C-alpha cells in the first residue's frame, strides 16, 4: 500500500506553543508545587509570618513560572527557529503500517510503531510521542486528503498505540 505523505513545517508561534506544552507537563507542575511548599516552609520558620510575606512567596513562584520561564522558552524557540535546519526547511513524513519515516534536507530517521507511546489529536495537528518530551508534529493540512487522516488514525489504532483522537 502507498505510504501516507505528510509535509510538516513549523512556524514560530506553533513551535513556541509546543515547547510550552512539553515544558509545562505534570512533572513540571509538581516541581513548581514543591518549590512553592519549600518557600512556605522557610517562611514558617520565621516568627514574623504575615499575609505580606505569603504574598511575596506567591509572587516569586508566579514570576518564576508564569513570566521568566515562558520568556526564556520564547527566546530559545526564536533562536532554534533561526538556526535549526530541520525547523527552517521542514520534514516530510512517510507513514506506513510498519512505522513512520521523517526526511529533511539534513537527516532522516525511521521509527517503528513499537517505539511510539501515544498519539494526540489537537484542532490543527497530531503529535506522536516516543517519550514525554520527544514527539513528531503532523499538521492536518500537511496530509494529502481527509482519507489519509482517516487511514493514519486506523494505522495508529491497529498498532495499539494509546490514542487521544477527537
N, C-alpha and C. Protein backbone atom coordinates (compact mmCIF):
# COMPACT_ATOMS: atom_id res chain seq x y z
N UNK A 1 0.84 -1.19 0.00
CA UNK A 1 0.00 0.00 0.00
C UNK A 1 0.89 1.25 0.00
N UNK A 2 0.42 2.26 -0.66
CA UNK A 2 1.15 3.53 -0.78
C UNK A 2 1.28 4.21 0.59
N UNK A 3 2.47 4.70 0.94
CA UNK A 3 2.60 5.38 2.24
C UNK A 3 1.85 6.72 2.26
N UNK A 4 1.44 7.10 3.44
CA UNK A 4 0.80 8.41 3.63
C UNK A 4 1.94 9.43 3.72
N UNK A 5 1.85 10.49 2.95
CA UNK A 5 2.87 11.53 2.97
C UNK A 5 2.33 12.74 3.72
N UNK A 6 3.12 13.23 4.68
CA UNK A 6 2.73 14.41 5.46
C UNK A 6 3.88 15.40 5.43
N UNK A 7 3.60 16.60 4.98
CA UNK A 7 4.61 17.66 4.97
C UNK A 7 4.43 18.48 6.23
N UNK A 8 5.51 18.57 7.01
CA UNK A 8 5.46 19.24 8.31
C UNK A 8 6.46 20.38 8.36
N UNK A 9 5.96 21.59 8.53
CA UNK A 9 6.83 22.76 8.70
C UNK A 9 6.22 23.63 9.79
N UNK A 10 7.00 23.90 10.80
CA UNK A 10 6.52 24.69 11.93
C UNK A 10 6.75 26.17 11.71
N UNK A 11 5.82 26.98 12.23
CA UNK A 11 6.08 28.41 12.32
C UNK A 11 6.45 28.71 13.78
N UNK A 12 6.93 29.91 14.04
CA UNK A 12 7.41 30.25 15.38
C UNK A 12 6.31 30.12 16.43
N UNK A 13 5.12 30.59 16.13
CA UNK A 13 4.03 30.55 17.11
C UNK A 13 3.71 29.10 17.52
N UNK A 14 3.58 28.21 16.53
CA UNK A 14 3.28 26.81 16.83
C UNK A 14 4.42 26.15 17.58
N UNK A 15 5.65 26.43 17.16
CA UNK A 15 6.82 25.85 17.83
C UNK A 15 6.86 26.30 19.29
N UNK A 16 6.58 27.56 19.55
CA UNK A 16 6.56 28.09 20.91
C UNK A 16 5.46 27.40 21.73
N UNK A 17 4.27 27.26 21.16
CA UNK A 17 3.17 26.61 21.87
C UNK A 17 3.50 25.16 22.20
N UNK A 18 4.12 24.46 21.26
CA UNK A 18 4.51 23.07 21.52
C UNK A 18 5.60 22.99 22.58
N UNK A 19 6.53 23.95 22.58
CA UNK A 19 7.58 23.98 23.59
C UNK A 19 6.98 24.20 24.98
N UNK A 20 6.00 25.08 25.07
CA UNK A 20 5.31 25.31 26.35
C UNK A 20 4.57 24.04 26.79
N UNK A 21 3.92 23.39 25.83
CA UNK A 21 3.18 22.16 26.14
C UNK A 21 4.10 21.10 26.73
N UNK A 22 5.26 20.94 26.16
CA UNK A 22 6.22 19.94 26.65
C UNK A 22 6.79 20.38 28.00
N UNK A 23 7.08 21.66 28.16
CA UNK A 23 7.69 22.13 29.40
C UNK A 23 6.73 22.06 30.58
N UNK A 24 5.50 22.48 30.36
CA UNK A 24 4.53 22.51 31.46
C UNK A 24 3.70 21.23 31.51
N UNK A 25 4.36 20.11 31.59
CA UNK A 25 3.66 18.85 31.76
C UNK A 25 3.53 18.56 33.26
N UNK A 26 2.93 17.47 33.61
CA UNK A 26 2.62 17.15 35.00
C UNK A 26 3.85 17.18 35.90
N UNK A 27 4.96 16.61 35.45
CA UNK A 27 6.17 16.56 36.28
C UNK A 27 6.65 17.98 36.61
N UNK A 28 6.57 18.87 35.64
CA UNK A 28 7.00 20.25 35.85
C UNK A 28 6.07 20.95 36.84
N UNK A 29 4.78 20.70 36.73
CA UNK A 29 3.83 21.32 37.65
C UNK A 29 4.05 20.84 39.08
N UNK A 30 4.39 19.56 39.24
CA UNK A 30 4.70 19.03 40.57
C UNK A 30 5.94 19.72 41.13
N UNK A 31 6.96 19.92 40.31
CA UNK A 31 8.17 20.60 40.80
C UNK A 31 7.87 22.05 41.18
N UNK A 32 6.94 22.69 40.45
CA UNK A 32 6.55 24.06 40.81
C UNK A 32 5.90 24.06 42.20
N UNK A 33 5.06 23.08 42.45
CA UNK A 33 4.41 22.99 43.76
C UNK A 33 5.43 22.73 44.87
N UNK A 34 6.43 21.92 44.59
CA UNK A 34 7.48 21.63 45.58
C UNK A 34 8.23 22.91 45.92
N UNK A 35 8.57 23.71 44.91
CA UNK A 35 9.25 24.99 45.17
C UNK A 35 8.36 25.88 46.02
N UNK A 36 7.07 25.93 45.71
CA UNK A 36 6.14 26.76 46.47
C UNK A 36 6.05 26.30 47.93
N UNK A 37 5.97 25.00 48.15
CA UNK A 37 5.89 24.46 49.51
C UNK A 37 7.19 24.75 50.27
N UNK A 38 8.33 24.57 49.60
CA UNK A 38 9.62 24.85 50.24
C UNK A 38 9.72 26.31 50.67
N UNK A 39 9.29 27.21 49.79
CA UNK A 39 9.30 28.63 50.15
C UNK A 39 8.41 28.89 51.36
N UNK A 40 7.25 28.25 51.41
CA UNK A 40 6.35 28.42 52.55
C UNK A 40 6.94 27.85 53.83
N UNK A 41 7.59 26.70 53.75
CA UNK A 41 8.21 26.10 54.93
C UNK A 41 9.30 27.02 55.47
N UNK A 42 10.12 27.57 54.58
CA UNK A 42 11.15 28.51 55.00
C UNK A 42 10.55 29.73 55.68
N UNK A 43 9.42 30.16 55.17
CA UNK A 43 8.78 31.34 55.76
C UNK A 43 8.14 31.01 57.11
N UNK A 44 7.67 29.77 57.29
CA UNK A 44 7.05 29.39 58.56
C UNK A 44 8.07 29.33 59.69
N UNK A 45 9.34 29.17 59.34
CA UNK A 45 10.36 29.16 60.39
C UNK A 45 10.60 30.56 60.94
N UNK A 46 10.12 31.57 60.21
CA UNK A 46 10.24 32.96 60.66
C UNK A 46 9.08 33.28 61.60
N UNK A 47 9.38 33.90 62.72
CA UNK A 47 8.34 34.24 63.70
C UNK A 47 7.42 35.35 63.21
N UNK A 48 7.89 36.14 62.27
CA UNK A 48 7.10 37.29 61.80
C UNK A 48 6.34 36.97 60.52
N UNK A 49 5.73 35.79 60.44
CA UNK A 49 4.96 35.39 59.27
C UNK A 49 3.72 36.26 59.15
N UNK A 50 3.50 36.79 57.96
CA UNK A 50 2.33 37.64 57.76
C UNK A 50 1.76 37.38 56.37
N UNK A 51 0.63 37.99 56.12
CA UNK A 51 -0.01 37.88 54.81
C UNK A 51 0.90 38.49 53.73
N UNK A 52 1.62 39.54 54.09
CA UNK A 52 2.54 40.17 53.14
C UNK A 52 3.65 39.24 52.69
N UNK A 53 4.21 38.49 53.63
CA UNK A 53 5.29 37.56 53.26
C UNK A 53 4.73 36.38 52.47
N UNK A 54 3.50 35.97 52.74
CA UNK A 54 2.87 34.92 51.94
C UNK A 54 2.65 35.41 50.51
N UNK A 55 2.26 36.65 50.35
CA UNK A 55 2.06 37.23 49.01
C UNK A 55 3.38 37.33 48.26
N UNK A 56 4.46 37.61 48.97
CA UNK A 56 5.79 37.64 48.33
C UNK A 56 6.14 36.25 47.82
N UNK A 57 5.86 35.23 48.61
CA UNK A 57 6.13 33.85 48.22
C UNK A 57 5.35 33.50 46.95
N UNK A 58 4.07 33.82 46.93
CA UNK A 58 3.24 33.55 45.75
C UNK A 58 3.76 34.34 44.56
N UNK A 59 4.15 35.59 44.78
CA UNK A 59 4.68 36.43 43.72
C UNK A 59 5.94 35.87 43.09
N UNK A 60 6.84 35.33 43.93
CA UNK A 60 8.09 34.75 43.43
C UNK A 60 7.79 33.55 42.53
N UNK A 61 6.89 32.67 42.98
CA UNK A 61 6.55 31.48 42.20
C UNK A 61 5.88 31.88 40.87
N UNK A 62 4.95 32.83 40.92
CA UNK A 62 4.27 33.28 39.70
C UNK A 62 5.27 33.94 38.76
N UNK A 63 6.16 34.77 39.30
CA UNK A 63 7.16 35.43 38.46
C UNK A 63 8.08 34.41 37.80
N UNK A 64 8.53 33.43 38.57
CA UNK A 64 9.44 32.41 38.04
C UNK A 64 8.78 31.55 36.97
N UNK A 65 7.62 30.98 37.28
CA UNK A 65 6.99 30.02 36.38
C UNK A 65 5.96 30.62 35.43
N UNK A 66 5.50 31.82 35.71
CA UNK A 66 4.50 32.44 34.86
C UNK A 66 5.05 33.51 33.94
N UNK A 67 6.25 34.04 34.24
CA UNK A 67 6.82 35.11 33.42
C UNK A 67 8.20 34.73 32.90
N UNK A 68 9.12 34.43 33.80
CA UNK A 68 10.51 34.17 33.42
C UNK A 68 10.61 32.91 32.53
N UNK A 69 9.98 31.82 32.93
CA UNK A 69 10.07 30.58 32.16
C UNK A 69 9.47 30.72 30.76
N UNK A 70 8.25 31.26 30.60
CA UNK A 70 7.73 31.44 29.24
C UNK A 70 8.59 32.37 28.38
N UNK A 71 9.15 33.43 28.98
CA UNK A 71 10.05 34.32 28.23
C UNK A 71 11.30 33.58 27.79
N UNK A 72 11.86 32.80 28.68
CA UNK A 72 13.06 32.01 28.35
C UNK A 72 12.76 31.04 27.22
N UNK A 73 11.62 30.36 27.29
CA UNK A 73 11.23 29.43 26.24
C UNK A 73 11.01 30.17 24.92
N UNK A 74 10.45 31.38 24.97
CA UNK A 74 10.23 32.19 23.76
C UNK A 74 11.57 32.49 23.07
N UNK A 75 12.56 32.96 23.83
CA UNK A 75 13.84 33.31 23.23
C UNK A 75 14.58 32.07 22.70
N UNK A 76 14.47 30.96 23.41
CA UNK A 76 15.08 29.71 22.94
C UNK A 76 14.38 29.27 21.64
N UNK A 77 13.06 29.37 21.60
CA UNK A 77 12.31 28.99 20.40
C UNK A 77 12.70 29.85 19.22
N UNK A 78 12.84 31.16 19.44
CA UNK A 78 13.25 32.07 18.37
C UNK A 78 14.63 31.71 17.83
N UNK A 79 15.56 31.44 18.74
CA UNK A 79 16.91 31.06 18.34
C UNK A 79 16.90 29.76 17.54
N UNK A 80 16.15 28.77 18.03
CA UNK A 80 16.08 27.49 17.35
C UNK A 80 15.47 27.62 15.95
N UNK A 81 14.47 28.48 15.80
CA UNK A 81 13.85 28.67 14.50
C UNK A 81 14.82 29.30 13.50
N UNK A 82 15.75 30.09 13.98
CA UNK A 82 16.74 30.72 13.10
C UNK A 82 17.90 29.79 12.76
N UNK A 83 18.22 28.86 13.65
CA UNK A 83 19.46 28.09 13.48
C UNK A 83 19.27 26.63 13.11
N UNK A 84 18.13 26.05 13.37
CA UNK A 84 17.94 24.61 13.12
C UNK A 84 17.50 24.35 11.68
N UNK A 85 18.31 23.63 10.92
CA UNK A 85 17.92 23.33 9.53
C UNK A 85 16.60 22.56 9.43
N UNK A 86 16.34 21.68 10.39
CA UNK A 86 15.10 20.90 10.36
C UNK A 86 13.89 21.81 10.55
N UNK A 87 14.01 22.79 11.45
CA UNK A 87 12.91 23.72 11.66
C UNK A 87 12.76 24.70 10.50
N UNK A 88 13.86 25.08 9.90
CA UNK A 88 13.82 26.01 8.77
C UNK A 88 13.21 25.38 7.52
N UNK A 89 13.60 24.15 7.21
CA UNK A 89 13.19 23.51 5.96
C UNK A 89 11.97 22.62 6.10
N UNK A 90 11.69 22.15 7.29
CA UNK A 90 10.57 21.25 7.50
C UNK A 90 10.97 19.80 7.28
N UNK A 91 10.04 18.92 7.57
CA UNK A 91 10.25 17.48 7.45
C UNK A 91 9.10 16.88 6.66
N UNK A 92 9.40 15.92 5.83
CA UNK A 92 8.36 15.15 5.14
C UNK A 92 8.32 13.78 5.80
N UNK A 93 7.13 13.41 6.28
CA UNK A 93 6.94 12.12 6.93
C UNK A 93 6.26 11.16 5.97
N UNK A 94 6.70 9.91 6.00
CA UNK A 94 6.09 8.83 5.24
C UNK A 94 5.59 7.80 6.25
N UNK A 95 4.28 7.62 6.28
CA UNK A 95 3.65 6.75 7.27
C UNK A 95 3.18 5.47 6.59
N UNK A 96 3.65 4.35 7.13
CA UNK A 96 3.25 3.04 6.62
C UNK A 96 2.77 2.18 7.78
N UNK A 97 2.35 0.95 7.48
CA UNK A 97 1.93 0.02 8.53
C UNK A 97 3.09 -0.38 9.44
N UNK A 98 4.32 -0.27 8.94
CA UNK A 98 5.50 -0.67 9.71
C UNK A 98 6.01 0.44 10.64
N UNK A 99 5.81 1.70 10.25
CA UNK A 99 6.32 2.79 11.08
C UNK A 99 6.22 4.12 10.37
N UNK A 100 7.00 5.07 10.87
CA UNK A 100 7.00 6.42 10.32
C UNK A 100 8.44 6.82 10.02
N UNK A 101 8.64 7.41 8.85
CA UNK A 101 9.97 7.85 8.45
C UNK A 101 9.92 9.35 8.19
N UNK A 102 10.84 10.06 8.80
CA UNK A 102 10.94 11.50 8.61
C UNK A 102 12.19 11.84 7.83
N UNK A 103 12.04 12.64 6.77
CA UNK A 103 13.17 13.02 5.94
C UNK A 103 13.22 14.53 5.81
N UNK A 104 14.38 15.10 6.13
CA UNK A 104 14.60 16.54 5.94
C UNK A 104 15.83 16.71 5.06
N UNK A 105 16.22 17.95 4.83
CA UNK A 105 17.41 18.18 3.99
C UNK A 105 18.68 17.72 4.69
N UNK A 106 18.67 17.67 6.00
CA UNK A 106 19.87 17.35 6.78
C UNK A 106 19.92 15.91 7.30
N UNK A 107 18.76 15.28 7.46
CA UNK A 107 18.76 13.96 8.09
C UNK A 107 17.52 13.16 7.72
N UNK A 108 17.54 11.91 8.13
CA UNK A 108 16.36 11.06 8.00
C UNK A 108 16.35 10.09 9.19
N UNK A 109 15.16 9.70 9.58
CA UNK A 109 15.03 8.77 10.70
C UNK A 109 13.77 7.94 10.51
N UNK A 110 13.90 6.66 10.79
CA UNK A 110 12.77 5.75 10.67
C UNK A 110 12.46 5.18 12.05
N UNK A 111 11.20 5.18 12.42
CA UNK A 111 10.77 4.70 13.73
C UNK A 111 9.65 3.69 13.55
N UNK A 112 9.78 2.55 14.20
CA UNK A 112 8.70 1.56 14.13
C UNK A 112 7.60 1.97 15.11
N UNK A 113 6.42 1.47 14.86
CA UNK A 113 5.28 1.83 15.71
C UNK A 113 5.46 1.33 17.15
N UNK A 114 6.30 0.33 17.35
CA UNK A 114 6.54 -0.18 18.70
C UNK A 114 7.16 0.88 19.60
N UNK A 115 7.87 1.85 19.01
CA UNK A 115 8.54 2.89 19.80
C UNK A 115 7.67 4.12 20.04
N UNK A 116 6.51 4.17 19.43
CA UNK A 116 5.59 5.29 19.63
C UNK A 116 4.71 4.97 20.83
N UNK A 117 4.71 5.87 21.82
CA UNK A 117 3.96 5.63 23.06
C UNK A 117 2.52 6.09 22.98
N UNK A 118 2.29 7.26 22.38
CA UNK A 118 0.92 7.74 22.28
C UNK A 118 0.77 8.73 21.14
N UNK A 119 -0.48 8.88 20.71
CA UNK A 119 -0.82 9.83 19.65
C UNK A 119 -1.91 10.75 20.19
N UNK A 120 -1.73 12.05 19.96
CA UNK A 120 -2.68 13.04 20.45
C UNK A 120 -3.15 13.88 19.27
N UNK A 121 -4.47 14.06 19.19
CA UNK A 121 -5.03 14.91 18.14
C UNK A 121 -5.44 16.25 18.75
N UNK A 122 -4.97 17.31 18.15
CA UNK A 122 -5.39 18.67 18.50
C UNK A 122 -6.22 19.20 17.34
N UNK A 123 -6.65 20.43 17.43
CA UNK A 123 -7.51 21.00 16.40
C UNK A 123 -6.86 20.99 15.01
N UNK A 124 -5.58 21.37 14.94
CA UNK A 124 -4.92 21.52 13.64
C UNK A 124 -3.78 20.55 13.38
N UNK A 125 -3.49 19.67 14.32
CA UNK A 125 -2.34 18.78 14.15
C UNK A 125 -2.46 17.54 15.02
N UNK A 126 -1.54 16.59 14.75
CA UNK A 126 -1.37 15.40 15.57
C UNK A 126 0.04 15.44 16.16
N UNK A 127 0.19 14.87 17.35
CA UNK A 127 1.51 14.68 17.95
C UNK A 127 1.69 13.19 18.20
N UNK A 128 2.82 12.66 17.74
CA UNK A 128 3.18 11.27 18.01
C UNK A 128 4.34 11.27 19.00
N UNK A 129 4.10 10.82 20.22
CA UNK A 129 5.11 10.85 21.27
C UNK A 129 5.88 9.53 21.32
N UNK A 130 7.23 9.63 21.31
CA UNK A 130 8.05 8.45 21.57
C UNK A 130 8.62 8.51 22.98
N UNK A 131 8.48 9.65 23.65
CA UNK A 131 8.83 9.82 25.05
C UNK A 131 8.03 11.03 25.52
N UNK A 132 8.06 11.34 26.83
CA UNK A 132 7.29 12.50 27.28
C UNK A 132 7.71 13.84 26.64
N UNK A 133 8.93 13.94 26.15
CA UNK A 133 9.38 15.20 25.57
C UNK A 133 9.80 15.09 24.10
N UNK A 134 9.73 13.91 23.51
CA UNK A 134 10.12 13.73 22.12
C UNK A 134 8.89 13.33 21.31
N UNK A 135 8.56 14.16 20.33
CA UNK A 135 7.37 13.89 19.54
C UNK A 135 7.56 14.32 18.09
N UNK A 136 6.66 13.83 17.25
CA UNK A 136 6.61 14.23 15.86
C UNK A 136 5.35 15.06 15.67
N UNK A 137 5.50 16.18 14.98
CA UNK A 137 4.40 17.11 14.72
C UNK A 137 3.88 16.86 13.31
N UNK A 138 2.61 16.48 13.21
CA UNK A 138 1.99 16.20 11.92
C UNK A 138 0.81 17.14 11.72
N UNK A 139 0.98 18.23 10.97
CA UNK A 139 -0.14 19.16 10.76
C UNK A 139 -1.21 18.52 9.88
N UNK A 140 -2.46 18.77 10.20
CA UNK A 140 -3.56 18.18 9.43
C UNK A 140 -3.54 18.68 7.99
N UNK A 141 -3.14 19.94 7.79
CA UNK A 141 -3.10 20.45 6.42
C UNK A 141 -1.90 19.92 5.64
N UNK A 142 -1.01 19.19 6.30
CA UNK A 142 0.13 18.56 5.63
C UNK A 142 -0.22 17.21 5.02
N UNK A 143 -1.37 16.64 5.42
CA UNK A 143 -1.84 15.38 4.84
C UNK A 143 -2.41 15.68 3.45
N UNK A 144 -2.37 14.69 2.59
CA UNK A 144 -2.86 14.87 1.23
C UNK A 144 -4.37 15.02 1.15
N UNK A 145 -5.09 14.32 2.04
CA UNK A 145 -6.55 14.34 1.99
C UNK A 145 -7.12 13.90 3.33
N UNK A 146 -8.44 14.01 3.46
CA UNK A 146 -9.13 13.53 4.66
C UNK A 146 -9.02 12.01 4.77
N UNK A 147 -8.98 11.34 3.61
CA UNK A 147 -8.82 9.88 3.61
C UNK A 147 -7.48 9.48 4.23
N UNK A 148 -6.44 10.28 3.96
CA UNK A 148 -5.13 9.99 4.56
C UNK A 148 -5.18 10.14 6.08
N UNK A 149 -5.91 11.14 6.56
CA UNK A 149 -6.05 11.34 8.02
C UNK A 149 -6.78 10.15 8.63
N UNK A 150 -7.85 9.72 7.99
CA UNK A 150 -8.61 8.55 8.48
C UNK A 150 -7.73 7.31 8.47
N UNK A 151 -6.98 7.12 7.40
CA UNK A 151 -6.08 5.96 7.31
C UNK A 151 -4.99 6.02 8.39
N UNK A 152 -4.45 7.23 8.64
CA UNK A 152 -3.44 7.41 9.69
C UNK A 152 -4.01 6.99 11.05
N UNK A 153 -5.23 7.42 11.36
CA UNK A 153 -5.85 7.05 12.64
C UNK A 153 -6.04 5.53 12.74
N UNK A 154 -6.41 4.92 11.64
CA UNK A 154 -6.58 3.46 11.63
C UNK A 154 -5.25 2.74 11.87
N UNK A 155 -4.18 3.24 11.24
CA UNK A 155 -2.85 2.64 11.45
C UNK A 155 -2.44 2.74 12.91
N UNK A 156 -2.68 3.91 13.52
CA UNK A 156 -2.34 4.11 14.93
C UNK A 156 -3.12 3.12 15.79
N UNK A 157 -4.41 3.01 15.56
CA UNK A 157 -5.24 2.09 16.36
C UNK A 157 -4.85 0.63 16.13
N UNK A 158 -4.53 0.28 14.89
CA UNK A 158 -4.12 -1.09 14.56
C UNK A 158 -2.85 -1.48 15.31
N UNK A 159 -1.95 -0.51 15.50
CA UNK A 159 -0.69 -0.78 16.18
C UNK A 159 -0.80 -0.62 17.70
N UNK A 160 -2.02 -0.49 18.19
CA UNK A 160 -2.33 -0.43 19.63
C UNK A 160 -1.56 0.66 20.37
N UNK A 161 -1.50 1.81 19.74
CA UNK A 161 -0.88 2.97 20.36
C UNK A 161 -1.98 3.70 21.15
N UNK A 162 -1.62 4.14 22.35
CA UNK A 162 -2.57 4.90 23.15
C UNK A 162 -2.92 6.16 22.37
N UNK A 163 -4.18 6.28 21.96
CA UNK A 163 -4.58 7.38 21.09
C UNK A 163 -5.62 8.26 21.77
N UNK A 164 -5.44 9.56 21.65
CA UNK A 164 -6.39 10.55 22.13
C UNK A 164 -6.87 11.33 20.92
N UNK A 165 -7.81 10.71 20.18
CA UNK A 165 -8.35 11.34 18.98
C UNK A 165 -9.71 11.96 19.27
N UNK A 166 -10.03 12.98 18.50
CA UNK A 166 -11.34 13.65 18.66
C UNK A 166 -12.41 12.87 17.94
